[in-house]
Amino acid sequence: KLFRSSDGGKNWNVVLQNQDQEAFFDGMAFHPDGKQGAMFG
């Protein structure tokens, strides 16, 4: 799953959670603009 915090780690929201037993997250990266991002598994 992916968690996200917009207040320095005080609060966290789950923004993505895997529902497929075959899936397994491996890593994520963001474009230098900080808006575009990718996660692969």
PDB file of all heavy atoms in Angstrom:
ATOM      1  N   LYS A   1       0.842  -1.205   0.000  1.00  0.00           N
ATOM      2  CA  LYS A   1       0.000   0.000   0.000  1.00  0.00           C
ATOM      3  C   LYS A   1       0.867   1.241   0.000  1.00  0.00           C
ATOM      4  O   LYS A   1       2.070   1.199   0.289  1.00  0.00           O
ATOM      5  CB  LYS A   1      -0.944  -0.004   1.199  1.00  0.00           C
ATOM      6  CG  LYS A   1      -0.262   0.004   2.556  1.00  0.00           C
ATOM      7  CD  LYS A   1      -1.281   0.017   3.702  1.00  0.00           C
ATOM      8  CE  LYS A   1      -1.931  -1.339   3.882  1.00  0.00           C
ATOM      9  NZ  LYS A   1      -2.835  -1.382   5.074  1.00  0.00           N
ATOM     10  N   LEU A   2       0.244   2.362  -0.322  1.00  0.00           N
ATOM     11  CA  LEU A   2       0.897   3.660  -0.293  1.00  0.00           C
ATOM     12  C   LEU A   2       0.189   4.563   0.712  1.00  0.00           C
ATOM     13  O   LEU A   2      -1.037   4.695   0.685  1.00  0.00           O
ATOM     14  CB  LEU A   2       0.872   4.327  -1.667  1.00  0.00           C
ATOM     15  CG  LEU A   2       1.685   3.700  -2.798  1.00  0.00           C
ATOM     16  CD1 LEU A   2       1.539   4.537  -4.066  1.00  0.00           C
ATOM     17  CD2 LEU A   2       3.155   3.584  -2.421  1.00  0.00           C
ATOM     18  N   PHE A   3       0.982   5.161   1.598  1.00  0.00           N
ATOM     19  CA  PHE A   3       0.492   6.168   2.531  1.00  0.00           C
ATOM     20  C   PHE A   3       0.974   7.537   2.055  1.00  0.00           C
ATOM     21  O   PHE A   3       2.039   7.661   1.446  1.00  0.00           O
ATOM     22  CB  PHE A   3       1.054   5.933   3.936  1.00  0.00           C
ATOM     23  CG  PHE A   3       0.597   4.665   4.606  1.00  0.00           C
ATOM     24  CD1 PHE A   3       1.169   3.443   4.289  1.00  0.00           C
ATOM     25  CD2 PHE A   3      -0.397   4.703   5.577  1.00  0.00           C
ATOM     26  CE1 PHE A   3       0.771   2.272   4.921  1.00  0.00           C
ATOM     27  CE2 PHE A   3      -0.806   3.543   6.219  1.00  0.00           C
ATOM     28  CZ  PHE A   3      -0.226   2.329   5.894  1.00  0.00           C
ATOM     29  N   ARG A   4       0.203   8.572   2.415  1.00  0.00           N
ATOM     30  CA  ARG A   4       0.609   9.941   2.069  1.00  0.00           C
ATOM     31  C   ARG A   4       0.336  10.861   3.248  1.00  0.00           C
ATOM     32  O   ARG A   4      -0.712  10.763   3.903  1.00  0.00           O
ATOM     33  CB  ARG A   4      -0.144  10.448   0.837  1.00  0.00           C
ATOM     34  CG  ARG A   4       0.347  11.804   0.312  1.00  0.00           C
ATOM     35  CD  ARG A   4      -0.457  12.210  -0.929  1.00  0.00           C
ATOM     36  NE  ARG A   4       0.122  13.353  -1.611  1.00  0.00           N
ATOM     37  CZ  ARG A   4      -0.097  14.621  -1.287  1.00  0.00           C
ATOM     38  NH1 ARG A   4      -0.916  14.917  -0.269  1.00  0.00           N
ATOM     39  NH2 ARG A   4       0.457  15.607  -1.965  1.00  0.00           N
ATOM     40  N   SER A   5       1.274  11.752   3.515  1.00  0.00           N
ATOM     41  CA  SER A   5       1.105  12.776   4.544  1.00  0.00           C
ATOM     42  C   SER A   5       1.390  14.141   3.941  1.00  0.00           C
ATOM     43  O   SER A   5       2.363  14.306   3.199  1.00  0.00           O
ATOM     44  CB  SER A   5       2.050  12.534   5.721  1.00  0.00           C
ATOM     45  OG  SER A   5       1.972  13.589   6.671  1.00  0.00           O
ATOM     46  N   SER A   6       0.543  15.102   4.247  1.00  0.00           N
ATOM     47  CA  SER A   6       0.749  16.475   3.768  1.00  0.00           C
ATOM     48  C   SER A   6       1.069  17.427   4.913  1.00  0.00           C
ATOM     49  O   SER A   6       1.113  18.641   4.705  1.00  0.00           O
ATOM     50  CB  SER A   6      -0.502  16.964   3.019  1.00  0.00           C
ATOM     51  OG  SER A   6      -1.640  16.909   3.858  1.00  0.00           O
ATOM     52  N   ASP A   7       1.295  16.872   6.118  1.00  0.00           N
ATOM     53  CA  ASP A   7       1.570  17.733   7.273  1.00  0.00           C
ATOM     54  C   ASP A   7       2.790  17.259   8.067  1.00  0.00           C
ATOM     55  O   ASP A   7       2.804  17.282   9.295  1.00  0.00           O
ATOM     56  CB  ASP A   7       0.344  17.810   8.190  1.00  0.00           C
ATOM     57  CG  ASP A   7      -0.110  16.444   8.705  1.00  0.00           C
ATOM     58  OD1 ASP A   7       0.593  15.442   8.430  1.00  0.00           O
ATOM     59  OD2 ASP A   7      -1.161  16.382   9.369  1.00  0.00           O
ATOM     60  N   GLY A   8       3.810  16.834   7.337  1.00  0.00           N
ATOM     61  CA  GLY A   8       5.054  16.471   7.989  1.00  0.00           C
ATOM     62  C   GLY A   8       5.013  15.183   8.777  1.00  0.00           C
ATOM     63  O   GLY A   8       5.815  14.999   9.700  1.00  0.00           O
ATOM     64  N   GLY A   9       4.112  14.284   8.431  1.00  0.00           N
ATOM     65  CA  GLY A   9       4.050  12.990   9.087  1.00  0.00           C
ATOM     66  C   GLY A   9       3.160  12.931  10.307  1.00  0.00           C
ATOM     67  O   GLY A   9       3.096  11.900  10.985  1.00  0.00           O
ATOM     68  N   LYS A  10       2.422  13.998  10.584  1.00  0.00           N
ATOM     69  CA  LYS A  10       1.502  13.965  11.732  1.00  0.00           C
ATOM     70  C   LYS A  10       0.280  13.092  11.430  1.00  0.00           C
ATOM     71  O   LYS A  10      -0.206  12.364  12.303  1.00  0.00           O
ATOM     72  CB  LYS A  10       1.063  15.384  12.094  1.00  0.00           C
ATOM     73  CG  LYS A  10       2.190  16.298  12.578  1.00  0.00           C
ATOM     74  CD  LYS A  10       1.646  17.663  12.939  1.00  0.00           C
ATOM     75  CE  LYS A  10       2.752  18.589  13.436  1.00  0.00           C
ATOM     76  NZ  LYS A  10       3.714  18.931  12.355  1.00  0.00           N
ATOM     77  N   ASN A  11      -0.200  13.178  10.213  1.00  0.00           N
ATOM     78  CA  ASN A  11      -1.374  12.405   9.797  1.00  0.00           C
ATOM     79  C   ASN A  11      -1.071  11.730   8.464  1.00  0.00           C
ATOM     80  O   ASN A  11      -0.373  12.296   7.611  1.00  0.00           O
ATOM     81  CB  ASN A  11      -2.606  13.314   9.658  1.00  0.00           C
ATOM     82  CG  ASN A  11      -3.013  13.930  10.982  1.00  0.00           C
ATOM     83  OD1 ASN A  11      -3.632  13.280  11.817  1.00  0.00           O
ATOM     84  ND2 ASN A  11      -2.660  15.205  11.179  1.00  0.00           N
ATOM     85  N   TRP A  12      -1.646  10.518   8.295  1.00  0.00           N
ATOM     86  CA  TRP A  12      -1.399   9.737   7.087  1.00  0.00           C
ATOM     87  C   TRP A  12      -2.713   9.225   6.518  1.00  0.00           C
ATOM     88  O   TRP A  12      -3.606   8.828   7.260  1.00  0.00           O
ATOM     89  CB  TRP A  12      -0.504   8.540   7.399  1.00  0.00           C
ATOM     90  CG  TRP A  12       0.861   8.915   7.885  1.00  0.00           C
ATOM     91  CD1 TRP A  12       1.233   9.176   9.174  1.00  0.00           C
ATOM     92  CD2 TRP A  12       2.043   9.079   7.084  1.00  0.00           C
ATOM     93  NE1 TRP A  12       2.571   9.487   9.231  1.00  0.00           N
ATOM     94  CE2 TRP A  12       3.094   9.427   7.961  1.00  0.00           C
ATOM     95  CE3 TRP A  12       2.309   8.951   5.721  1.00  0.00           C
ATOM     96  CZ2 TRP A  12       4.397   9.658   7.515  1.00  0.00           C
ATOM     97  CZ3 TRP A  12       3.602   9.177   5.271  1.00  0.00           C
ATOM     98  CH2 TRP A  12       4.632   9.531   6.158  1.00  0.00           C
ATOM     99  N   ASN A  13      -2.790   9.238   5.205  1.00  0.00           N
ATOM    100  CA  ASN A  13      -3.923   8.650   4.493  1.00  0.00           C
ATOM    101  C   ASN A  13      -3.413   7.540   3.584  1.00  0.00           C
ATOM    102  O   ASN A  13      -2.351   7.674   2.953  1.00  0.00           O
ATOM    103  CB  ASN A  13      -4.639   9.688   3.627  1.00  0.00           C
ATOM    104  CG  ASN A  13      -5.284  10.781   4.442  1.00  0.00           C
ATOM    105  OD1 ASN A  13      -5.924  10.513   5.454  1.00  0.00           O
ATOM    106  ND2 ASN A  13      -5.108  12.029   4.013  1.00  0.00           N
ATOM    107  N   VAL A  14      -4.154   6.437   3.519  1.00  0.00           N
ATOM    108  CA  VAL A  14      -3.840   5.392   2.550  1.00  0.00           C
ATOM    109  C   VAL A  14      -4.414   5.828   1.209  1.00  0.00           C
ATOM    110  O   VAL A  14      -5.624   5.956   1.048  1.00  0.00           O
ATOM    111  CB  VAL A  14      -4.428   4.034   2.984  1.00  0.00           C
ATOM    112  CG1 VAL A  14      -4.179   2.987   1.907  1.00  0.00           C
ATOM    113  CG2 VAL A  14      -3.832   3.590   4.308  1.00  0.00           C
ATOM    114  N   VAL A  15      -3.540   6.083   0.239  1.00  0.00           N
ATOM    115  CA  VAL A  15      -3.987   6.575  -1.067  1.00  0.00           C
ATOM    116  C   VAL A  15      -4.034   5.463  -2.111  1.00  0.00           C
ATOM    117  O   VAL A  15      -4.597   5.650  -3.186  1.00  0.00           O
ATOM    118  CB  VAL A  15      -3.093   7.736  -1.556  1.00  0.00           C
ATOM    119  CG1 VAL A  15      -3.280   8.952  -0.665  1.00  0.00           C
ATOM    120  CG2 VAL A  15      -1.621   7.327  -1.599  1.00  0.00           C
ATOM    121  N   LEU A  16      -3.436   4.314  -1.807  1.00  0.00           N
ATOM    122  CA  LEU A  16      -3.496   3.175  -2.718  1.00  0.00           C
ATOM    123  C   LEU A  16      -3.269   1.907  -1.919  1.00  0.00           C
ATOM    124  O   LEU A  16      -2.311   1.821  -1.143  1.00  0.00           O
ATOM    125  CB  LEU A  16      -2.428   3.295  -3.816  1.00  0.00           C
ATOM    126  CG  LEU A  16      -2.351   2.154  -4.833  1.00  0.00           C
ATOM    127  CD1 LEU A  16      -3.636   2.074  -5.645  1.00  0.00           C
ATOM    128  CD2 LEU A  16      -1.148   2.337  -5.753  1.00  0.00           C
ATOM    129  N   GLN A  17      -4.156   0.920  -2.096  1.00  0.00           N
ATOM    130  CA  GLN A  17      -3.989  -0.364  -1.431  1.00  0.00           C
ATOM    131  C   GLN A  17      -4.237  -1.479  -2.425  1.00  0.00           C
ATOM    132  O   GLN A  17      -5.242  -1.504  -3.128  1.00  0.00           O
ATOM    133  CB  GLN A  17      -4.930  -0.509  -0.233  1.00  0.00           C
ATOM    134  CG  GLN A  17      -4.718  -1.799   0.544  1.00  0.00           C
ATOM    135  CD  GLN A  17      -5.309  -1.768   1.937  1.00  0.00           C
ATOM    136  OE1 GLN A  17      -6.030  -0.847   2.294  1.00  0.00           O
ATOM    137  NE2 GLN A  17      -4.998  -2.767   2.740  1.00  0.00           N
ATOM    138  N   ASN A  18      -3.287  -2.397  -2.485  1.00  0.00           N
ATOM    139  CA  ASN A  18      -3.380  -3.502  -3.418  1.00  0.00           C
ATOM    140  C   ASN A  18      -4.505  -4.451  -3.016  1.00  0.00           C
ATOM    141  O   ASN A  18      -4.665  -4.788  -1.853  1.00  0.00           O
ATOM    142  CB  ASN A  18      -2.044  -4.251  -3.439  1.00  0.00           C
ATOM    143  CG  ASN A  18      -2.104  -5.512  -4.264  1.00  0.00           C
ATOM    144  OD1 ASN A  18      -2.670  -5.526  -5.347  1.00  0.00           O
ATOM    145  ND2 ASN A  18      -1.524  -6.575  -3.740  1.00  0.00           N
ATOM    146  N   GLN A  19      -5.264  -4.910  -3.993  1.00  0.00           N
ATOM    147  CA  GLN A  19      -6.357  -5.851  -3.758  1.00  0.00           C
ATOM    148  C   GLN A  19      -6.144  -7.169  -4.487  1.00  0.00           C
ATOM    149  O   GLN A  19      -6.998  -8.046  -4.435  1.00  0.00           O
ATOM    150  CB  GLN A  19      -7.688  -5.224  -4.216  1.00  0.00           C
ATOM    151  CG  GLN A  19      -8.027  -3.914  -3.540  1.00  0.00           C
ATOM    152  CD  GLN A  19      -8.264  -4.065  -2.049  1.00  0.00           C
ATOM    153  OE1 GLN A  19      -8.760  -5.089  -1.584  1.00  0.00           O
ATOM    154  NE2 GLN A  19      -7.915  -3.035  -1.277  1.00  0.00           N
ATOM    155  N   ASP A  20      -5.014  -7.318  -5.166  1.00  0.00           N
ATOM    156  CA  ASP A  20      -4.753  -8.499  -5.980  1.00  0.00           C
ATOM    157  C   ASP A  20      -3.662  -9.328  -5.318  1.00  0.00           C
ATOM    158  O   ASP A  20      -2.565  -8.844  -5.052  1.00  0.00           O
ATOM    159  CB  ASP A  20      -4.306  -8.067  -7.378  1.00  0.00           C
ATOM    160  CG  ASP A  20      -4.324  -9.205  -8.385  1.00  0.00           C
ATOM    161  OD1 ASP A  20      -3.856 -10.307  -8.035  1.00  0.00           O
ATOM    162  OD2 ASP A  20      -4.787  -8.987  -9.513  1.00  0.00           O
ATOM    163  N   GLN A  21      -3.937 -10.602  -5.050  1.00  0.00           N
ATOM    164  CA  GLN A  21      -2.965 -11.453  -4.374  1.00  0.00           C
ATOM    165  C   GLN A  21      -1.709 -11.701  -5.205  1.00  0.00           C
ATOM    166  O   GLN A  21      -0.666 -12.076  -4.664  1.00  0.00           O
ATOM    167  CB  GLN A  21      -3.610 -12.787  -3.995  1.00  0.00           C
ATOM    168  CG  GLN A  21      -4.537 -12.702  -2.794  1.00  0.00           C
ATOM    169  CD  GLN A  21      -3.809 -12.228  -1.542  1.00  0.00           C
ATOM    170  OE1 GLN A  21      -2.740 -12.716  -1.205  1.00  0.00           O
ATOM    171  NE2 GLN A  21      -4.402 -11.266  -0.843  1.00  0.00           N
ATOM    172  N   GLU A  22      -1.770 -11.476  -6.513  1.00  0.00           N
ATOM    173  CA  GLU A  22      -0.583 -11.639  -7.350  1.00  0.00           C
ATOM    174  C   GLU A  22       0.316 -10.415  -7.310  1.00  0.00           C
ATOM    175  O   GLU A  22       1.490 -10.491  -7.679  1.00  0.00           O
ATOM    176  CB  GLU A  22      -0.989 -11.912  -8.797  1.00  0.00           C
ATOM    177  CG  GLU A  22      -1.575 -13.292  -9.041  1.00  0.00           C
ATOM    178  CD  GLU A  22      -1.716 -13.571 -10.522  1.00  0.00           C
ATOM    179  OE1 GLU A  22      -0.833 -13.139 -11.295  1.00  0.00           O
ATOM    180  OE2 GLU A  22      -2.699 -14.217 -10.914  1.00  0.00           O
ATOM    181  N   ALA A  23      -0.215  -9.293  -6.874  1.00  0.00           N
ATOM    182  CA  ALA A  23       0.538  -8.036  -6.917  1.00  0.00           C
ATOM    183  C   ALA A  23       1.472  -7.918  -5.720  1.00  0.00           C
ATOM    184  O   ALA A  23       1.220  -8.464  -4.643  1.00  0.00           O
ATOM    185  CB  ALA A  23      -0.417  -6.854  -6.958  1.00  0.00           C
ATOM    186  N   PHE A  24       2.555  -7.163  -5.922  1.00  0.00           N
ATOM    187  CA  PHE A  24       3.561  -6.970  -4.888  1.00  0.00           C
ATOM    188  C   PHE A  24       4.329  -5.710  -5.266  1.00  0.00           C
ATOM    189  O   PHE A  24       5.044  -5.682  -6.252  1.00  0.00           O
ATOM    190  CB  PHE A  24       4.496  -8.191  -4.849  1.00  0.00           C
ATOM    191  CG  PHE A  24       5.422  -8.248  -3.677  1.00  0.00           C
ATOM    192  CD1 PHE A  24       5.238  -9.185  -2.675  1.00  0.00           C
ATOM    193  CD2 PHE A  24       6.498  -7.371  -3.576  1.00  0.00           C
ATOM    194  CE1 PHE A  24       6.110  -9.249  -1.589  1.00  0.00           C
ATOM    195  CE2 PHE A  24       7.368  -7.423  -2.510  1.00  0.00           C
ATOM    196  CZ  PHE A  24       7.176  -8.366  -1.509  1.00  0.00           C
ATOM    197  N   PHE A  25       4.157  -4.625  -4.506  1.00  0.00           N
ATOM    198  CA  PHE A  25       4.773  -3.354  -4.851  1.00  0.00           C
ATOM    199  C   PHE A  25       6.300  -3.437  -4.698  1.00  0.00           C
ATOM    200  O   PHE A  25       6.808  -4.077  -3.783  1.00  0.00           O
ATOM    201  CB  PHE A  25       4.235  -2.231  -3.973  1.00  0.00           C
ATOM    202  CG  PHE A  25       2.783  -1.902  -4.199  1.00  0.00           C
ATOM    203  CD1 PHE A  25       2.127  -0.996  -3.367  1.00  0.00           C
ATOM    204  CD2 PHE A  25       2.053  -2.479  -5.228  1.00  0.00           C
ATOM    205  CE1 PHE A  25       0.788  -0.681  -3.561  1.00  0.00           C
ATOM    206  CE2 PHE A  25       0.721  -2.168  -5.440  1.00  0.00           C
ATOM    207  CZ  PHE A  25       0.082  -1.263  -4.595  1.00  0.00           C
ATOM    208  N   ASP A  26       7.022  -2.725  -5.587  1.00  0.00           N
ATOM    209  CA  ASP A  26       8.487  -2.773  -5.588  1.00  0.00           C
ATOM    210  C   ASP A  26       9.154  -1.417  -5.384  1.00  0.00           C
ATOM    211  O   ASP A  26      10.227  -1.347  -4.786  1.00  0.00           O
ATOM    212  CB  ASP A  26       8.992  -3.373  -6.898  1.00  0.00           C
ATOM    213  CG  ASP A  26       8.730  -4.866  -6.989  1.00  0.00           C
ATOM    214  OD1 ASP A  26       8.893  -5.561  -5.975  1.00  0.00           O
ATOM    215  OD2 ASP A  26       8.341  -5.336  -8.082  1.00  0.00           O
ATOM    216  N   GLY A  27       8.601  -0.343  -5.904  1.00  0.00           N
ATOM    217  CA  GLY A  27       9.252   0.952  -5.748  1.00  0.00           C
ATOM    218  C   GLY A  27       8.477   2.052  -6.441  1.00  0.00           C
ATOM    219  O   GLY A  27       7.603   1.798  -7.268  1.00  0.00           O
ATOM    220  N   MET A  28       8.798   3.293  -6.084  1.00  0.00           N
ATOM    221  CA  MET A  28       8.134   4.443  -6.697  1.00  0.00           C
ATOM    222  C   MET A  28       9.158   5.535  -6.978  1.00  0.00           C
ATOM    223  O   MET A  28      10.248   5.565  -6.394  1.00  0.00           O
ATOM    224  CB  MET A  28       7.028   4.989  -5.789  1.00  0.00           C
ATOM    225  CG  MET A  28       7.498   5.418  -4.438  1.00  0.00           C
ATOM    226  SD  MET A  28       6.147   6.039  -3.391  1.00  0.00           S
ATOM    227  CE  MET A  28       6.988   6.096  -1.801  1.00  0.00           C
ATOM    228  N   ALA A  29       8.807   6.427  -7.889  1.00  0.00           N
ATOM    229  CA  ALA A  29       9.675   7.546  -8.243  1.00  0.00           C
ATOM    230  C   ALA A  29       8.811   8.689  -8.738  1.00  0.00           C
ATOM    231  O   ALA A  29       7.707   8.476  -9.261  1.00  0.00           O
ATOM    232  CB  ALA A  29      10.673   7.145  -9.324  1.00  0.00           C
ATOM    233  N   PHE A  30       9.332   9.900  -8.587  1.00  0.00           N
ATOM    234  CA  PHE A  30       8.618  11.092  -9.024  1.00  0.00           C
ATOM    235  C   PHE A  30       9.475  11.907  -9.976  1.00  0.00           C
ATOM    236  O   PHE A  30      10.698  11.978  -9.839  1.00  0.00           O
ATOM    237  CB  PHE A  30       8.209  11.950  -7.816  1.00  0.00           C
ATOM    238  CG  PHE A  30       6.989  11.432  -7.115  1.00  0.00           C
ATOM    239  CD1 PHE A  30       7.091  10.400  -6.194  1.00  0.00           C
ATOM    240  CD2 PHE A  30       5.731  11.954  -7.390  1.00  0.00           C
ATOM    241  CE1 PHE A  30       5.971   9.905  -5.546  1.00  0.00           C
ATOM    242  CE2 PHE A  30       4.604  11.464  -6.759  1.00  0.00           C
ATOM    243  CZ  PHE A  30       4.722  10.437  -5.834  1.00  0.00           C
ATOM    244  N   HIS A  31       8.790  12.509 -10.946  1.00  0.00           N
ATOM    245  CA  HIS A  31       9.407  13.463 -11.848  1.00  0.00           C
ATOM    246  C   HIS A  31       9.906  14.650 -11.023  1.00  0.00           C
ATOM    247  O   HIS A  31       9.372  14.942  -9.945  1.00  0.00           O
ATOM    248  CB  HIS A  31       8.349  13.916 -12.872  1.00  0.00           C
ATOM    249  CG  HIS A  31       8.870  14.790 -13.952  1.00  0.00           C
ATOM    250  ND1 HIS A  31       9.024  16.155 -13.792  1.00  0.00           N
ATOM    251  CD2 HIS A  31       9.268  14.517 -15.220  1.00  0.00           C
ATOM    252  CE1 HIS A  31       9.499  16.678 -14.908  1.00  0.00           C
ATOM    253  NE2 HIS A  31       9.655  15.705 -15.796  1.00  0.00           N
ATOM    254  N   PRO A  32      10.934  15.359 -11.495  1.00  0.00           N
ATOM    255  CA  PRO A  32      11.410  16.523 -10.739  1.00  0.00           C
ATOM    256  C   PRO A  32      10.341  17.564 -10.435  1.00  0.00           C
ATOM    257  O   PRO A  32      10.511  18.362  -9.498  1.00  0.00           O
ATOM    258  CB  PRO A  32      12.500  17.099 -11.651  1.00  0.00           C
ATOM    259  CG  PRO A  32      13.030  15.908 -12.391  1.00  0.00           C
ATOM    260  CD  PRO A  32      11.828  15.043 -12.633  1.00  0.00           C
ATOM    261  N   ASP A  33       9.230  17.582 -11.186  1.00  0.00           N
ATOM    262  CA  ASP A  33       8.176  18.568 -10.902  1.00  0.00           C
ATOM    263  C   ASP A  33       7.390  18.238  -9.633  1.00  0.00           C
ATOM    264  O   ASP A  33       6.600  19.055  -9.148  1.00  0.00           O
ATOM    265  CB  ASP A  33       7.232  18.736 -12.088  1.00  0.00           C
ATOM    266  CG  ASP A  33       6.404  17.478 -12.409  1.00  0.00           C
ATOM    267  OD1 ASP A  33       6.377  16.530 -11.594  1.00  0.00           O
ATOM    268  OD2 ASP A  33       5.795  17.441 -13.494  1.00  0.00           O
ATOM    269  N   GLY A  34       7.571  17.029  -9.087  1.00  0.00           N
ATOM    270  CA  GLY A  34       6.901  16.651  -7.857  1.00  0.00           C
ATOM    271  C   GLY A  34       5.433  16.314  -8.012  1.00  0.00           C
ATOM    272  O   GLY A  34       4.773  15.963  -7.024  1.00  0.00           O
ATOM    273  N   LYS A  35       4.908  16.389  -9.202  1.00  0.00           N
ATOM    274  CA  LYS A  35       3.492  16.082  -9.450  1.00  0.00           C
ATOM    275  C   LYS A  35       3.325  14.729 -10.123  1.00  0.00           C
ATOM    276  O   LYS A  35       2.494  13.916  -9.719  1.00  0.00           O
ATOM    277  CB  LYS A  35       2.859  17.174 -10.314  1.00  0.00           C
ATOM    278  CG  LYS A  35       2.815  18.541  -9.647  1.00  0.00           C
ATOM    279  CD  LYS A  35       1.953  18.523  -8.396  1.00  0.00           C
ATOM    280  CE  LYS A  35       1.846  19.904  -7.778  1.00  0.00           C
ATOM    281  NZ  LYS A  35       1.037  19.882  -6.525  1.00  0.00           N
ATOM    282  N   GLN A  36       4.106  14.496 -11.173  1.00  0.00           N
ATOM    283  CA  GLN A  36       4.026  13.227 -11.879  1.00  0.00           C
ATOM    284  C   GLN A  36       4.837  12.170 -11.120  1.00  0.00           C
ATOM    285  O   GLN A  36       5.972  12.423 -10.705  1.00  0.00           O
ATOM    286  CB  GLN A  36       4.595  13.371 -13.287  1.00  0.00           C
ATOM    287  CG  GLN A  36       3.914  14.429 -14.130  1.00  0.00           C
ATOM    288  CD  GLN A  36       4.619  14.599 -15.462  1.00  0.00           C
ATOM    289  OE1 GLN A  36       4.437  13.791 -16.369  1.00  0.00           O
ATOM    290  NE2 GLN A  36       5.426  15.638 -15.577  1.00  0.00           N
ATOM    291  N   GLY A  37       4.226  11.019 -10.941  1.00  0.00           N
ATOM    292  CA  GLY A  37       4.913   9.944 -10.246  1.00  0.00           C
ATOM    293  C   GLY A  37       4.495   8.594 -10.775  1.00  0.00           C
ATOM    294  O   GLY A  37       3.487   8.460 -11.479  1.00  0.00           O
ATOM    295  N   ALA A  38       5.281   7.582 -10.443  1.00  0.00           N
ATOM    296  CA  ALA A  38       4.990   6.213 -10.872  1.00  0.00           C
ATOM    297  C   ALA A  38       5.351   5.252  -9.760  1.00  0.00           C
ATOM    298  O   ALA A  38       6.291   5.479  -8.998  1.00  0.00           O
ATOM    299  CB  ALA A  38       5.765   5.870 -12.138  1.00  0.00           C
ATOM    300  N   MET A  39       4.599   4.180  -9.667  1.00  0.00           N
ATOM    301  CA  MET A  39       4.880   3.083  -8.749  1.00  0.00           C
ATOM    302  C   MET A  39       4.773   1.795  -9.545  1.00  0.00           C
ATOM    303  O   MET A  39       3.869   1.642 -10.362  1.00  0.00           O
ATOM    304  CB  MET A  39       3.889   3.087  -7.585  1.00  0.00           C
ATOM    305  CG  MET A  39       4.247   2.163  -6.425  1.00  0.00           C
ATOM    306  SD  MET A  39       3.860   0.432  -6.724  1.00  0.00           S
ATOM    307  CE  MET A  39       2.110   0.519  -7.067  1.00  0.00           C
ATOM    308  N   PHE A  40       5.717   0.859  -9.347  1.00  0.00           N
ATOM    309  CA  PHE A  40       5.636  -0.398 -10.080  1.00  0.00           C
ATOM    310  C   PHE A  40       5.702  -1.570  -9.125  1.00  0.00           C
ATOM    311  O   PHE A  40       6.173  -1.461  -7.992  1.00  0.00           O
ATOM    312  CB  PHE A  40       6.743  -0.489 -11.132  1.00  0.00           C
ATOM    313  CG  PHE A  40       8.062  -1.030 -10.628  1.00  0.00           C
ATOM    314  CD1 PHE A  40       8.501  -2.291 -11.004  1.00  0.00           C
ATOM    315  CD2 PHE A  40       8.874  -0.258  -9.804  1.00  0.00           C
ATOM    316  CE1 PHE A  40       9.713  -2.788 -10.555  1.00  0.00           C
ATOM    317  CE2 PHE A  40      10.093  -0.742  -9.353  1.00  0.00           C
ATOM    318  CZ  PHE A  40      10.521  -2.010  -9.724  1.00  0.00           C
ATOM    319  N   GLY A  41       5.194  -2.707  -9.611  1.00  0.00           N
ATOM    320  CA  GLY A  41       5.198  -3.917  -8.815  1.00  0.00           C
ATOM    321  C   GLY A  41       5.384  -5.136  -9.690  1.00  0.00           C
ATOM    322  O   GLY A  41       5.496  -5.046 -10.922  1.00  0.00           O
TER     323      GLY A  41
END
